[in-house]
């Protein structure tokens, strides 16, 4: 593998494994051996389903505004905010009026996200 294949851009829609998580939520996934990145685009007002998985997840709000629903709490987040979701904790996200873009980081990589598909594929 060429080293150039290890470089990506947040704004390049051609890279990654595409997955439609829910209506108004899509992601591009990039997986390594020990971590996985997911660049999630959320349409204005769209919300994912409450779900959980065993992998630890970190998130960074890259653009827009949103409400992070995690562990029974709703927390407003704005550009630049980031958070940690321990494995097994129920969570989802609701975009604000201008939509949102989130960078999620999973460790270890989520096996379900190594292939294109639909849904969160989680408990």
PDB file of N, CA and C in Angstrom:
ATOM      1  N   UNK A   1       0.845  -1.181   0.000  1.00  0.00           N
ATOM      2  CA  UNK A   1       0.000   0.000   0.000  1.00  0.00           C
ATOM      3  C   UNK A   1       0.886   1.238   0.000  1.00  0.00           C
ATOM      4  N   UNK A   2       0.584   2.155  -0.888  1.00  0.00           N
ATOM      5  CA  UNK A   2       1.296   3.416  -0.973  1.00  0.00           C
ATOM      6  C   UNK A   2       0.977   4.277   0.257  1.00  0.00           C
ATOM      7  N   UNK A   3       1.940   5.054   0.715  1.00  0.00           N
ATOM      8  CA  UNK A   3       1.701   5.948   1.850  1.00  0.00           C
ATOM      9  C   UNK A   3       0.613   6.962   1.529  1.00  0.00           C
ATOM     10  N   UNK A   4       0.457   7.332   0.268  1.00  0.00           N
ATOM     11  CA  UNK A   4      -0.582   8.292  -0.123  1.00  0.00           C
ATOM     12  C   UNK A   4      -1.979   7.745   0.193  1.00  0.00           C
ATOM     13  N   UNK A   5      -2.147   6.422   0.190  1.00  0.00           N
ATOM     14  CA  UNK A   5      -3.445   5.822   0.493  1.00  0.00           C
ATOM     15  C   UNK A   5      -3.797   5.937   1.970  1.00  0.00           C
ATOM     16  N   UNK A   6      -2.840   6.324   2.798  1.00  0.00           N
ATOM     17  CA  UNK A   6      -3.073   6.485   4.234  1.00  0.00           C
ATOM     18  C   UNK A   6      -3.494   7.916   4.592  1.00  0.00           C
ATOM     19  N   UNK A   7      -3.611   8.806   3.593  1.00  0.00           N
ATOM     20  CA  UNK A   7      -3.973  10.201   3.808  1.00  0.00           C
ATOM     21  C   UNK A   7      -5.374  10.460   3.282  1.00  0.00           C
ATOM     22  N   UNK A   8      -6.161  11.225   4.045  1.00  0.00           N
ATOM     23  CA  UNK A   8      -7.548  11.492   3.693  1.00  0.00           C
ATOM     24  C   UNK A   8      -7.870  12.950   3.997  1.00  0.00           C
ATOM     25  N   UNK A   9      -9.048  13.405   3.542  1.00  0.00           N
ATOM     26  CA  UNK A   9      -9.488  14.770   3.794  1.00  0.00           C
ATOM     27  C   UNK A   9     -10.933  14.745   4.269  1.00  0.00           C
ATOM     28  N   UNK A  10     -11.231  15.510   5.320  1.00  0.00           N
ATOM     29  CA  UNK A  10     -12.576  15.545   5.881  1.00  0.00           C
ATOM     30  C   UNK A  10     -13.638  15.944   4.854  1.00  0.00           C
ATOM     31  N   UNK A  11     -13.265  16.768   3.890  1.00  0.00           N
ATOM     32  CA  UNK A  11     -14.237  17.297   2.933  1.00  0.00           C
ATOM     33  C   UNK A  11     -14.300  16.521   1.624  1.00  0.00           C
ATOM     34  N   UNK A  12     -13.509  15.464   1.466  1.00  0.00           N
ATOM     35  CA  UNK A  12     -13.506  14.672   0.239  1.00  0.00           C
ATOM     36  C   UNK A  12     -14.563  13.582   0.356  1.00  0.00           C
ATOM     37  N   UNK A  13     -15.666  13.692  -0.391  1.00  0.00           N
ATOM     38  CA  UNK A  13     -16.759  12.725  -0.246  1.00  0.00           C
ATOM     39  C   UNK A  13     -16.450  11.356  -0.851  1.00  0.00           C
ATOM     40  N   UNK A  14     -15.300  11.195  -1.513  1.00  0.00           N
ATOM     41  CA  UNK A  14     -15.001   9.939  -2.191  1.00  0.00           C
ATOM     42  C   UNK A  14     -14.376   8.883  -1.281  1.00  0.00           C
ATOM     43  N   UNK A  15     -13.824   9.268  -0.152  1.00  0.00           N
ATOM     44  CA  UNK A  15     -13.103   8.312   0.664  1.00  0.00           C
ATOM     45  C   UNK A  15     -13.968   7.608   1.688  1.00  0.00           C
ATOM     46  N   UNK A  16     -13.478   6.501   2.187  1.00  0.00           N
ATOM     47  CA  UNK A  16     -14.116   5.805   3.293  1.00  0.00           C
ATOM     48  C   UNK A  16     -15.199   4.830   2.882  1.00  0.00           C
ATOM     49  N   UNK A  17     -15.696   4.117   3.878  1.00  0.00           N
ATOM     50  CA  UNK A  17     -16.801   3.182   3.717  1.00  0.00           C
ATOM     51  C   UNK A  17     -18.084   3.952   4.017  1.00  0.00           C
ATOM     52  N   UNK A  18     -19.005   3.988   3.077  1.00  0.00           N
ATOM     53  CA  UNK A  18     -20.235   4.754   3.259  1.00  0.00           C
ATOM     54  C   UNK A  18     -21.268   3.933   4.024  1.00  0.00           C
ATOM     55  N   UNK A  19     -21.980   4.594   4.924  1.00  0.00           N
ATOM     56  CA  UNK A  19     -23.027   3.927   5.693  1.00  0.00           C
ATOM     57  C   UNK A  19     -24.134   4.943   5.978  1.00  0.00           C
ATOM     58  N   UNK A  20     -25.371   4.574   5.689  1.00  0.00           N
ATOM     59  CA  UNK A  20     -26.517   5.412   6.038  1.00  0.00           C
ATOM     60  C   UNK A  20     -27.013   4.922   7.390  1.00  0.00           C
ATOM     61  N   UNK A  21     -26.852   5.766   8.408  1.00  0.00           N
ATOM     62  CA  UNK A  21     -27.184   5.363   9.768  1.00  0.00           C
ATOM     63  C   UNK A  21     -28.681   5.429  10.039  1.00  0.00           C
ATOM     64  N   UNK A  22     -29.335   6.470   9.541  1.00  0.00           N
ATOM     65  CA  UNK A  22     -30.770   6.700   9.744  1.00  0.00           C
ATOM     66  C   UNK A  22     -31.166   7.805   8.769  1.00  0.00           C
ATOM     67  N   UNK A  23     -32.469   8.073   8.599  1.00  0.00           N
ATOM     68  CA  UNK A  23     -32.857   9.184   7.727  1.00  0.00           C
ATOM     69  C   UNK A  23     -32.183  10.490   8.179  1.00  0.00           C
ATOM     70  N   UNK A  24     -31.447  11.122   7.264  1.00  0.00           N
ATOM     71  CA  UNK A  24     -30.764  12.366   7.585  1.00  0.00           C
ATOM     72  C   UNK A  24     -29.404  12.199   8.237  1.00  0.00           C
ATOM     73  N   UNK A  25     -28.946  10.963   8.460  1.00  0.00           N
ATOM     74  CA  UNK A  25     -27.634  10.702   9.067  1.00  0.00           C
ATOM     75  C   UNK A  25     -26.849   9.748   8.179  1.00  0.00           C
ATOM     76  N   UNK A  26     -25.679  10.183   7.739  1.00  0.00           N
ATOM     77  CA  UNK A  26     -24.812   9.309   6.956  1.00  0.00           C
ATOM     78  C   UNK A  26     -23.385   9.477   7.459  1.00  0.00           C
ATOM     79  N   UNK A  27     -22.552   8.486   7.155  1.00  0.00           N
ATOM     80  CA  UNK A  27     -21.175   8.548   7.622  1.00  0.00           C
ATOM     81  C   UNK A  27     -20.218   7.961   6.600  1.00  0.00           C
ATOM     82  N   UNK A  28     -18.978   8.392   6.697  1.00  0.00           N
ATOM     83  CA  UNK A  28     -17.858   7.803   5.959  1.00  0.00           C
ATOM     84  C   UNK A  28     -16.912   7.264   7.020  1.00  0.00           C
ATOM     85  N   UNK A  29     -16.540   5.992   6.897  1.00  0.00           N
ATOM     86  CA  UNK A  29     -15.774   5.307   7.931  1.00  0.00           C
ATOM     87  C   UNK A  29     -14.385   4.957   7.420  1.00  0.00           C
ATOM     88  N   UNK A  30     -13.395   5.185   8.274  1.00  0.00           N
ATOM     89  CA  UNK A  30     -12.004   4.875   7.978  1.00  0.00           C
ATOM     90  C   UNK A  30     -11.478   4.018   9.119  1.00  0.00           C
ATOM     91  N   UNK A  31     -11.065   2.793   8.800  1.00  0.00           N
ATOM     92  CA  UNK A  31     -10.672   1.860   9.851  1.00  0.00           C
ATOM     93  C   UNK A  31      -9.186   1.538   9.797  1.00  0.00           C
ATOM     94  N   UNK A  32      -8.587   1.512  10.982  1.00  0.00           N
ATOM     95  CA  UNK A  32      -7.215   1.050  11.124  1.00  0.00           C
ATOM     96  C   UNK A  32      -7.208  -0.222  11.941  1.00  0.00           C
ATOM     97  N   UNK A  33      -6.051  -0.611  12.412  1.00  0.00           N
ATOM     98  CA  UNK A  33      -5.942  -1.835  13.200  1.00  0.00           C
ATOM     99  C   UNK A  33      -6.537  -1.683  14.599  1.00  0.00           C
ATOM    100  N   UNK A  34      -6.328  -0.525  15.232  1.00  0.00           N
ATOM    101  CA  UNK A  34      -6.722  -0.354  16.631  1.00  0.00           C
ATOM    102  C   UNK A  34      -7.719   0.771  16.878  1.00  0.00           C
ATOM    103  N   UNK A  35      -8.039   1.530  15.852  1.00  0.00           N
ATOM    104  CA  UNK A  35      -8.991   2.636  15.991  1.00  0.00           C
ATOM    105  C   UNK A  35      -9.737   2.820  14.675  1.00  0.00           C
ATOM    106  N   UNK A  36     -10.866   3.493  14.761  1.00  0.00           N
ATOM    107  CA  UNK A  36     -11.715   3.721  13.597  1.00  0.00           C
ATOM    108  C   UNK A  36     -12.268   5.141  13.674  1.00  0.00           C
ATOM    109  N   UNK A  37     -12.256   5.860  12.544  1.00  0.00           N
ATOM    110  CA  UNK A  37     -12.838   7.196  12.469  1.00  0.00           C
ATOM    111  C   UNK A  37     -14.127   7.130  11.652  1.00  0.00           C
ATOM    112  N   UNK A  38     -15.112   7.889  12.081  1.00  0.00           N
ATOM    113  CA  UNK A  38     -16.391   7.971  11.386  1.00  0.00           C
ATOM    114  C   UNK A  38     -16.754   9.445  11.278  1.00  0.00           C
ATOM    115  N   UNK A  39     -16.926   9.930  10.050  1.00  0.00           N
ATOM    116  CA  UNK A  39     -17.292  11.323   9.820  1.00  0.00           C
ATOM    117  C   UNK A  39     -18.787  11.345   9.524  1.00  0.00           C
ATOM    118  N   UNK A  40     -19.569  11.806  10.501  1.00  0.00           N
ATOM    119  CA  UNK A  40     -21.026  11.732  10.439  1.00  0.00           C
ATOM    120  C   UNK A  40     -21.607  13.082  10.027  1.00  0.00           C
ATOM    121  N   UNK A  41     -22.459  13.071   9.019  1.00  0.00           N
ATOM    122  CA  UNK A  41     -23.200  14.258   8.599  1.00  0.00           C
ATOM    123  C   UNK A  41     -24.648  14.085   9.046  1.00  0.00           C
ATOM    124  N   UNK A  42     -25.179  15.112   9.737  1.00  0.00           N
ATOM    125  CA  UNK A  42     -26.537  15.051  10.268  1.00  0.00           C
ATOM    126  C   UNK A  42     -27.326  16.236   9.706  1.00  0.00           C
ATOM    127  N   UNK A  43     -28.432  15.950   9.047  1.00  0.00           N
ATOM    128  CA  UNK A  43     -29.285  16.996   8.471  1.00  0.00           C
ATOM    129  C   UNK A  43     -29.927  17.819   9.583  1.00  0.00           C
ATOM    130  N   UNK A  44     -30.312  19.059   9.288  1.00  0.00           N
ATOM    131  CA  UNK A  44     -30.960  19.894  10.300  1.00  0.00           C
ATOM    132  C   UNK A  44     -32.120  19.183  10.992  1.00  0.00           C
ATOM    133  N   UNK A  45     -32.077  19.141  12.313  1.00  0.00           N
ATOM    134  CA  UNK A  45     -33.141  18.546  13.116  1.00  0.00           C
ATOM    135  C   UNK A  45     -33.185  17.032  13.144  1.00  0.00           C
ATOM    136  N   UNK A  46     -32.346  16.359  12.359  1.00  0.00           N
ATOM    137  CA  UNK A  46     -32.366  14.891  12.322  1.00  0.00           C
ATOM    138  C   UNK A  46     -31.773  14.315  13.605  1.00  0.00           C
ATOM    139  N   UNK A  47     -32.214  13.123  13.949  1.00  0.00           N
ATOM    140  CA  UNK A  47     -31.727  12.454  15.159  1.00  0.00           C
ATOM    141  C   UNK A  47     -31.537  10.969  14.882  1.00  0.00           C
ATOM    142  N   UNK A  48     -30.477  10.420  15.424  1.00  0.00           N
ATOM    143  CA  UNK A  48     -30.232   8.991  15.316  1.00  0.00           C
ATOM    144  C   UNK A  48     -31.030   8.234  16.360  1.00  0.00           C
ATOM    145  N   UNK A  49     -30.990   6.915  16.270  1.00  0.00           N
ATOM    146  CA  UNK A  49     -31.672   6.089  17.264  1.00  0.00           C
ATOM    147  C   UNK A  49     -30.763   5.890  18.475  1.00  0.00           C
ATOM    148  N   UNK A  50     -31.367   5.797  19.636  1.00  0.00           N
ATOM    149  CA  UNK A  50     -30.617   5.528  20.855  1.00  0.00           C
ATOM    150  C   UNK A  50     -30.032   4.121  20.734  1.00  0.00           C
ATOM    151  N   UNK A  51     -28.735   3.990  20.925  1.00  0.00           N
ATOM    152  CA  UNK A  51     -28.063   2.703  20.773  1.00  0.00           C
ATOM    153  C   UNK A  51     -26.853   2.637  21.698  1.00  0.00           C
ATOM    154  N   UNK A  52     -26.250   1.476  21.798  1.00  0.00           N
ATOM    155  CA  UNK A  52     -25.008   1.307  22.559  1.00  0.00           C
ATOM    156  C   UNK A  52     -24.188   0.214  21.905  1.00  0.00           C
ATOM    157  N   UNK A  53     -22.924   0.174  22.231  1.00  0.00           N
ATOM    158  CA  UNK A  53     -22.001  -0.833  21.704  1.00  0.00           C
ATOM    159  C   UNK A  53     -20.858  -0.962  22.689  1.00  0.00           C
ATOM    160  N   UNK A  54     -20.107  -2.065  22.643  1.00  0.00           N
ATOM    161  CA  UNK A  54     -19.048  -2.275  23.632  1.00  0.00           C
ATOM    162  C   UNK A  54     -17.811  -1.393  23.435  1.00  0.00           C
ATOM    163  N   UNK A  55     -17.632  -0.831  22.239  1.00  0.00           N
ATOM    164  CA  UNK A  55     -16.433  -0.034  21.962  1.00  0.00           C
ATOM    165  C   UNK A  55     -16.521   1.349  22.605  1.00  0.00           C
ATOM    166  N   UNK A  56     -15.382   1.848  23.090  1.00  0.00           N
ATOM    167  CA  UNK A  56     -15.304   3.229  23.568  1.00  0.00           C
ATOM    168  C   UNK A  56     -15.424   4.151  22.354  1.00  0.00           C
ATOM    169  N   UNK A  57     -16.072   5.301  22.541  1.00  0.00           N
ATOM    170  CA  UNK A  57     -16.269   6.251  21.447  1.00  0.00           C
ATOM    171  C   UNK A  57     -15.970   7.662  21.931  1.00  0.00           C
ATOM    172  N   UNK A  58     -15.179   8.380  21.148  1.00  0.00           N
ATOM    173  CA  UNK A  58     -14.965   9.808  21.360  1.00  0.00           C
ATOM    174  C   UNK A  58     -15.626  10.531  20.205  1.00  0.00           C
ATOM    175  N   UNK A  59     -16.169  11.726  20.451  1.00  0.00           N
ATOM    176  CA  UNK A  59     -16.783  12.518  19.390  1.00  0.00           C
ATOM    177  C   UNK A  59     -16.323  13.956  19.458  1.00  0.00           C
ATOM    178  N   UNK A  60     -16.242  14.594  18.278  1.00  0.00           N
ATOM    179  CA  UNK A  60     -15.876  16.013  18.162  1.00  0.00           C
ATOM    180  C   UNK A  60     -16.884  16.668  17.233  1.00  0.00           C
ATOM    181  N   UNK A  61     -17.523  17.754  17.676  1.00  0.00           N
ATOM    182  CA  UNK A  61     -18.430  18.474  16.795  1.00  0.00           C
ATOM    183  C   UNK A  61     -17.597  19.380  15.892  1.00  0.00           C
ATOM    184  N   UNK A  62     -17.554  19.048  14.602  1.00  0.00           N
ATOM    185  CA  UNK A  62     -16.750  19.790  13.625  1.00  0.00           C
ATOM    186  C   UNK A  62     -17.475  21.017  13.099  1.00  0.00           C
ATOM    187  N   UNK A  63     -18.798  20.885  12.900  1.00  0.00           N
ATOM    188  CA  UNK A  63     -19.594  21.979  12.335  1.00  0.00           C
ATOM    189  C   UNK A  63     -20.999  21.916  12.897  1.00  0.00           C
ATOM    190  N   UNK A  64     -21.661  23.075  12.932  1.00  0.00           N
ATOM    191  CA  UNK A  64     -23.059  23.140  13.323  1.00  0.00           C
ATOM    192  C   UNK A  64     -23.260  23.126  14.826  1.00  0.00           C
ATOM    193  N   UNK A  65     -24.437  22.669  15.216  1.00  0.00           N
ATOM    194  CA  UNK A  65     -24.775  22.546  16.637  1.00  0.00           C
ATOM    195  C   UNK A  65     -25.599  21.283  16.800  1.00  0.00           C
ATOM    196  N   UNK A  66     -25.650  20.786  18.029  1.00  0.00           N
ATOM    197  CA  UNK A  66     -26.370  19.539  18.262  1.00  0.00           C
ATOM    198  C   UNK A  66     -26.639  19.360  19.744  1.00  0.00           C
ATOM    199  N   UNK A  67     -27.420  18.341  20.032  1.00  0.00           N
ATOM    200  CA  UNK A  67     -27.646  17.900  21.402  1.00  0.00           C
ATOM    201  C   UNK A  67     -27.154  16.465  21.474  1.00  0.00           C
ATOM    202  N   UNK A  68     -26.240  16.202  22.381  1.00  0.00           N
ATOM    203  CA  UNK A  68     -25.740  14.849  22.621  1.00  0.00           C
ATOM    204  C   UNK A  68     -26.630  14.227  23.692  1.00  0.00           C
ATOM    205  N   UNK A  69     -27.231  13.118  23.363  1.00  0.00           N
ATOM    206  CA  UNK A  69     -28.064  12.389  24.302  1.00  0.00           C
ATOM    207  C   UNK A  69     -27.236  11.181  24.732  1.00  0.00           C
ATOM    208  N   UNK A  70     -26.905  11.148  26.010  1.00  0.00           N
ATOM    209  CA  UNK A  70     -25.966  10.132  26.479  1.00  0.00           C
ATOM    210  C   UNK A  70     -26.243   9.792  27.932  1.00  0.00           C
ATOM    211  N   UNK A  71     -26.405   8.513  28.212  1.00  0.00           N
ATOM    212  CA  UNK A  71     -26.601   8.076  29.587  1.00  0.00           C
ATOM    213  C   UNK A  71     -27.794   8.726  30.252  1.00  0.00           C
ATOM    214  N   UNK A  72     -28.862   9.015  29.489  1.00  0.00           N
ATOM    215  CA  UNK A  72     -30.067   9.611  30.056  1.00  0.00           C
ATOM    216  C   UNK A  72     -30.037  11.123  30.172  1.00  0.00           C
ATOM    217  N   UNK A  73     -28.962  11.777  29.736  1.00  0.00           N
ATOM    218  CA  UNK A  73     -28.873  13.246  29.782  1.00  0.00           C
ATOM    219  C   UNK A  73     -28.848  13.813  28.370  1.00  0.00           C
ATOM    220  N   UNK A  74     -29.321  15.054  28.222  1.00  0.00           N
ATOM    221  CA  UNK A  74     -29.225  15.793  26.963  1.00  0.00           C
ATOM    222  C   UNK A  74     -28.297  16.970  27.180  1.00  0.00           C
ATOM    223  N   UNK A  75     -27.218  17.026  26.401  1.00  0.00           N
ATOM    224  CA  UNK A  75     -26.204  18.055  26.586  1.00  0.00           C
ATOM    225  C   UNK A  75     -25.994  18.785  25.263  1.00  0.00           C
ATOM    226  N   UNK A  76     -26.234  20.098  25.254  1.00  0.00           N
ATOM    227  CA  UNK A  76     -26.021  20.906  24.056  1.00  0.00           C
ATOM    228  C   UNK A  76     -24.524  20.996  23.771  1.00  0.00           C
ATOM    229  N   UNK A  77     -24.154  20.804  22.495  1.00  0.00           N
ATOM    230  CA  UNK A  77     -22.756  20.914  22.096  1.00  0.00           C
ATOM    231  C   UNK A  77     -22.646  21.874  20.916  1.00  0.00           C
ATOM    232  N   UNK A  78     -21.491  22.518  20.830  1.00  0.00           N
ATOM    233  CA  UNK A  78     -21.238  23.464  19.742  1.00  0.00           C
ATOM    234  C   UNK A  78     -19.891  23.136  19.108  1.00  0.00           C
ATOM    235  N   UNK A  79     -19.608  23.752  18.001  1.00  0.00           N
ATOM    236  CA  UNK A  79     -18.375  23.500  17.252  1.00  0.00           C
ATOM    237  C   UNK A  79     -17.169  23.522  18.199  1.00  0.00           C
ATOM    238  N   UNK A  80     -16.361  22.486  18.102  1.00  0.00           N
ATOM    239  CA  UNK A  80     -15.152  22.393  18.924  1.00  0.00           C
ATOM    240  C   UNK A  80     -15.328  21.562  20.185  1.00  0.00           C
ATOM    241  N   UNK A  81     -16.563  21.336  20.611  1.00  0.00           N
ATOM    242  CA  UNK A  81     -16.785  20.494  21.797  1.00  0.00           C
ATOM    243  C   UNK A  81     -16.465  19.042  21.465  1.00  0.00           C
ATOM    244  N   UNK A  82     -15.940  18.309  22.454  1.00  0.00           N
ATOM    245  CA  UNK A  82     -15.740  16.879  22.269  1.00  0.00           C
ATOM    246  C   UNK A  82     -16.081  16.138  23.537  1.00  0.00           C
ATOM    247  N   UNK A  83     -16.358  14.845  23.412  1.00  0.00           N
ATOM    248  CA  UNK A  83     -16.876  14.049  24.523  1.00  0.00           C
ATOM    249  C   UNK A  83     -16.428  12.602  24.382  1.00  0.00           C
ATOM    250  N   UNK A  84     -16.531  11.871  25.495  1.00  0.00           N
ATOM    251  CA  UNK A  84     -16.220  10.448  25.521  1.00  0.00           C
ATOM    252  C   UNK A  84     -17.475   9.688  25.910  1.00  0.00           C
ATOM    253  N   UNK A  85     -17.707   8.582  25.222  1.00  0.00           N
ATOM    254  CA  UNK A  85     -18.814   7.694  25.543  1.00  0.00           C
ATOM    255  C   UNK A  85     -18.219   6.321  25.864  1.00  0.00           C
ATOM    256  N   UNK A  86     -18.240   5.922  27.130  1.00  0.00           N
ATOM    257  CA  UNK A  86     -17.727   4.596  27.467  1.00  0.00           C
ATOM    258  C   UNK A  86     -18.554   3.503  26.792  1.00  0.00           C
ATOM    259  N   UNK A  87     -17.964   2.351  26.566  1.00  0.00           N
ATOM    260  CA  UNK A  87     -18.689   1.223  26.002  1.00  0.00           C
ATOM    261  C   UNK A  87     -19.917   0.892  26.838  1.00  0.00           C
ATOM    262  N   UNK A  88     -21.006   0.519  26.167  1.00  0.00           N
ATOM    263  CA  UNK A  88     -22.221   0.106  26.844  1.00  0.00           C
ATOM    264  C   UNK A  88     -23.165   1.220  27.249  1.00  0.00           C
ATOM    265  N   UNK A  89     -22.777   2.488  27.078  1.00  0.00           N
ATOM    266  CA  UNK A  89     -23.630   3.610  27.477  1.00  0.00           C
ATOM    267  C   UNK A  89     -24.552   4.003  26.311  1.00  0.00           C
ATOM    268  N   UNK A  90     -25.880   4.003  26.515  1.00  0.00           N
ATOM    269  CA  UNK A  90     -26.807   4.405  25.449  1.00  0.00           C
ATOM    270  C   UNK A  90     -26.577   5.869  25.048  1.00  0.00           C
ATOM    271  N   UNK A  91     -26.620   6.123  23.725  1.00  0.00           N
ATOM    272  CA  UNK A  91     -26.354   7.476  23.232  1.00  0.00           C
ATOM    273  C   UNK A  91     -26.927   7.677  21.834  1.00  0.00           C
ATOM    274  N   UNK A  92     -27.059   8.941  21.470  1.00  0.00           N
ATOM    275  CA  UNK A  92     -27.410   9.347  20.113  1.00  0.00           C
ATOM    276  C   UNK A  92     -27.136  10.849  19.996  1.00  0.00           C
ATOM    277  N   UNK A  93     -27.521  11.435  18.860  1.00  0.00           N
ATOM    278  CA  UNK A  93     -27.257  12.845  18.595  1.00  0.00           C
ATOM    279  C   UNK A  93     -28.444  13.425  17.844  1.00  0.00           C
ATOM    280  N   UNK A  94     -28.796  14.675  18.147  1.00  0.00           N
ATOM    281  CA  UNK A  94     -29.834  15.414  17.423  1.00  0.00           C
ATOM    282  C   UNK A  94     -29.212  16.709  16.923  1.00  0.00           C
ATOM    283  N   UNK A  95     -29.275  16.940  15.620  1.00  0.00           N
ATOM    284  CA  UNK A  95     -28.670  18.137  15.039  1.00  0.00           C
ATOM    285  C   UNK A  95     -29.512  19.366  15.308  1.00  0.00           C
ATOM    286  N   UNK A  96     -28.849  20.498  15.379  1.00  0.00           N
ATOM    287  CA  UNK A  96     -29.514  21.780  15.504  1.00  0.00           C
ATOM    288  C   UNK A  96     -30.086  22.224  14.168  1.00  0.00           C
ATOM    289  N   UNK A  97     -30.585  23.462  14.095  1.00  0.00           N
ATOM    290  CA  UNK A  97     -31.267  23.949  12.892  1.00  0.00           C
ATOM    291  C   UNK A  97     -30.385  24.049  11.653  1.00  0.00           C
ATOM    292  N   UNK A  98     -29.059  24.123  11.824  1.00  0.00           N
ATOM    293  CA  UNK A  98     -28.163  24.199  10.661  1.00  0.00           C
ATOM    294  C   UNK A  98     -27.504  22.861  10.348  1.00  0.00           C
ATOM    295  N   UNK A  99     -27.907  21.805  11.055  1.00  0.00           N
ATOM    296  CA  UNK A  99     -27.287  20.499  10.856  1.00  0.00           C
ATOM    297  C   UNK A  99     -25.998  20.392  11.661  1.00  0.00           C
ATOM    298  N   UNK A 100     -25.306  19.293  11.492  1.00  0.00           N
ATOM    299  CA  UNK A 100     -24.068  19.075  12.238  1.00  0.00           C
ATOM    300  C   UNK A 100     -23.173  18.095  11.500  1.00  0.00           C
ATOM    301  N   UNK A 101     -21.896  18.200  11.774  1.00  0.00           N
ATOM    302  CA  UNK A 101     -20.924  17.217  11.289  1.00  0.00           C
ATOM    303  C   UNK A 101     -20.049  16.833  12.473  1.00  0.00           C
ATOM    304  N   UNK A 102     -19.919  15.531  12.701  1.00  0.00           N
ATOM    305  CA  UNK A 102     -19.238  15.000  13.878  1.00  0.00           C
ATOM    306  C   UNK A 102     -18.150  14.030  13.446  1.00  0.00           C
ATOM    307  N   UNK A 103     -17.024  14.093  14.100  1.00  0.00           N
ATOM    308  CA  UNK A 103     -15.963  13.100  13.931  1.00  0.00           C
ATOM    309  C   UNK A 103     -16.038  12.181  15.134  1.00  0.00           C
ATOM    310  N   UNK A 104     -16.377  10.909  14.900  1.00  0.00           N
ATOM    311  CA  UNK A 104     -16.393   9.899  15.954  1.00  0.00           C
ATOM    312  C   UNK A 104     -15.149   9.034  15.826  1.00  0.00           C
ATOM    313  N   UNK A 105     -14.588   8.666  16.973  1.00  0.00           N
ATOM    314  CA  UNK A 105     -13.401   7.814  17.022  1.00  0.00           C
ATOM    315  C   UNK A 105     -13.747   6.619  17.901  1.00  0.00           C
ATOM    316  N   UNK A 106     -13.594   5.418  17.362  1.00  0.00           N
ATOM    317  CA  UNK A 106     -13.910   4.190  18.086  1.00  0.00           C
ATOM    318  C   UNK A 106     -12.632   3.412  18.370  1.00  0.00           C
ATOM    319  N   UNK A 107     -12.573   2.834  19.569  1.00  0.00           N
ATOM    320  CA  UNK A 107     -11.479   1.934  19.894  1.00  0.00           C
ATOM    321  C   UNK A 107     -12.028   0.832  20.785  1.00  0.00           C
ATOM    322  N   UNK A 108     -11.800  -0.416  20.396  1.00  0.00           N
ATOM    323  CA  UNK A 108     -11.278  -0.851  19.100  1.00  0.00           C
ATOM    324  C   UNK A 108     -12.285  -0.560  17.983  1.00  0.00           C
ATOM    325  N   UNK A 109     -11.897  -0.801  16.718  1.00  0.00           N
ATOM    326  CA  UNK A 109     -12.830  -0.576  15.618  1.00  0.00           C
ATOM    327  C   UNK A 109     -14.103  -1.411  15.789  1.00  0.00           C
ATOM    328  N   UNK A 110     -15.215  -0.869  15.347  1.00  0.00           N
ATOM    329  CA  UNK A 110     -16.494  -1.592  15.395  1.00  0.00           C
ATOM    330  C   UNK A 110     -16.560  -2.557  14.207  1.00  0.00           C
ATOM    331  N   UNK A 111     -16.659  -3.854  14.452  1.00  0.00           N
ATOM    332  CA  UNK A 111     -16.681  -4.814  13.337  1.00  0.00           C
ATOM    333  C   UNK A 111     -17.807  -4.543  12.341  1.00  0.00           C
ATOM    334  N   UNK A 112     -18.993  -4.109  12.831  1.00  0.00           N
ATOM    335  CA  UNK A 112     -20.128  -3.864  11.949  1.00  0.00           C
ATOM    336  C   UNK A 112     -19.859  -2.721  10.972  1.00  0.00           C
ATOM    337  N   UNK A 113     -18.975  -1.814  11.331  1.00  0.00           N
ATOM    338  CA  UNK A 113     -18.705  -0.642  10.498  1.00  0.00           C
ATOM    339  C   UNK A 113     -17.588  -0.887   9.481  1.00  0.00           C
ATOM    340  N   UNK A 114     -17.056  -2.078   9.416  1.00  0.00           N
ATOM    341  CA  UNK A 114     -16.003  -2.371   8.442  1.00  0.00           C
ATOM    342  C   UNK A 114     -16.569  -2.620   7.046  1.00  0.00           C
ATOM    343  N   UNK A 115     -17.898  -2.643   6.931  1.00  0.00           N
ATOM    344  CA  UNK A 115     -18.555  -2.840   5.634  1.00  0.00           C
ATOM    345  C   UNK A 115     -19.626  -1.780   5.438  1.00  0.00           C
ATOM    346  N   UNK A 116     -19.871  -1.451   4.184  1.00  0.00           N
ATOM    347  CA  UNK A 116     -20.940  -0.499   3.865  1.00  0.00           C
ATOM    348  C   UNK A 116     -22.285  -1.103   4.264  1.00  0.00           C
ATOM    349  N   UNK A 117     -23.244  -0.269   4.549  1.00  0.00           N
ATOM    350  CA  UNK A 117     -24.555  -0.789   4.905  1.00  0.00           C
ATOM    351  C   UNK A 117     -25.440   0.298   5.449  1.00  0.00           C
ATOM    352  N   UNK A 118     -26.457  -0.128   6.213  1.00  0.00           N
ATOM    353  CA  UNK A 118     -27.415   0.803   6.801  1.00  0.00           C
ATOM    354  C   UNK A 118     -27.557   0.507   8.278  1.00  0.00           C
ATOM    355  N   UNK A 119     -27.900   1.535   9.032  1.00  0.00           N
ATOM    356  CA  UNK A 119     -28.191   1.378  10.442  1.00  0.00           C
ATOM    357  C   UNK A 119     -26.959   1.449  11.340  1.00  0.00           C
ATOM    358  N   UNK A 120     -27.235   1.482  12.626  1.00  0.00           N
ATOM    359  CA  UNK A 120     -26.178   1.591  13.632  1.00  0.00           C
ATOM    360  C   UNK A 120     -25.572   0.224  13.955  1.00  0.00           C
ATOM    361  N   UNK A 121     -26.295  -0.862  13.624  1.00  0.00           N
ATOM    362  CA  UNK A 121     -25.810  -2.223  13.871  1.00  0.00           C
ATOM    363  C   UNK A 121     -25.289  -2.366  15.298  1.00  0.00           C
ATOM    364  N   UNK A 122     -26.104  -1.958  16.251  1.00  0.00           N
ATOM    365  CA  UNK A 122     -25.681  -1.973  17.637  1.00  0.00           C
ATOM    366  C   UNK A 122     -26.840  -2.451  18.514  1.00  0.00           C
ATOM    367  N   UNK A 123     -26.534  -2.642  19.801  1.00  0.00           N
ATOM    368  CA  UNK A 123     -27.565  -3.069  20.739  1.00  0.00           C
ATOM    369  C   UNK A 123     -28.471  -1.947  21.147  1.00  0.00           C
TER     370      UNK A 123
END
